[in-house]
Amino acid sequence: MKELIIRSLAVGAGGFVGSISRFLIANLFGQLNFRFPLGTMFINVTGSFILGWFFTFAEPRGVSDAMRLAISVGFVGGYTTFSTYMFESNRLAEDGAGLQAMVNLLGSLILGIAAVRLGILVARWS
């Protein structure tokens, strides 16, 4: 029971920091007044990088389960947002910006997988 509480608190703390980070970054990008949801794409791509880097970096170093949960499930889970990505893509399509919707969908997927790979490579160089 004690371990479950520690893990839950770790996820909650990481989620708090990740959610606040997402909010602040989205606000910064929102001030640019782009029609394209660049903030969400940036957040999801950098979150992909962080997750790829963290798992590769942490595994051989014996990072604790609580820390792994805090970073991966908590921080990255609170930071990234698949639902906003889908909603914004749908909104673009509904607004007649089908090409921008496709760029958002495909660009996020391609950049996301590239960011995971880059994160893994950076962690292996560390």
Foldseek 3Di string as FASTA:
>chain_A
DVVVVLLVVLLAVLQVQQQVVLVVQQVVVVVVVDLFSPSLLVQLLVLLLQLLQCVLQCVVVPDDPSNVNNNNNRNSVNNHDPVVLVVSLVVCVVVVNPVSSVCSVVVSVVSSVVSSVVSNVVSVVD
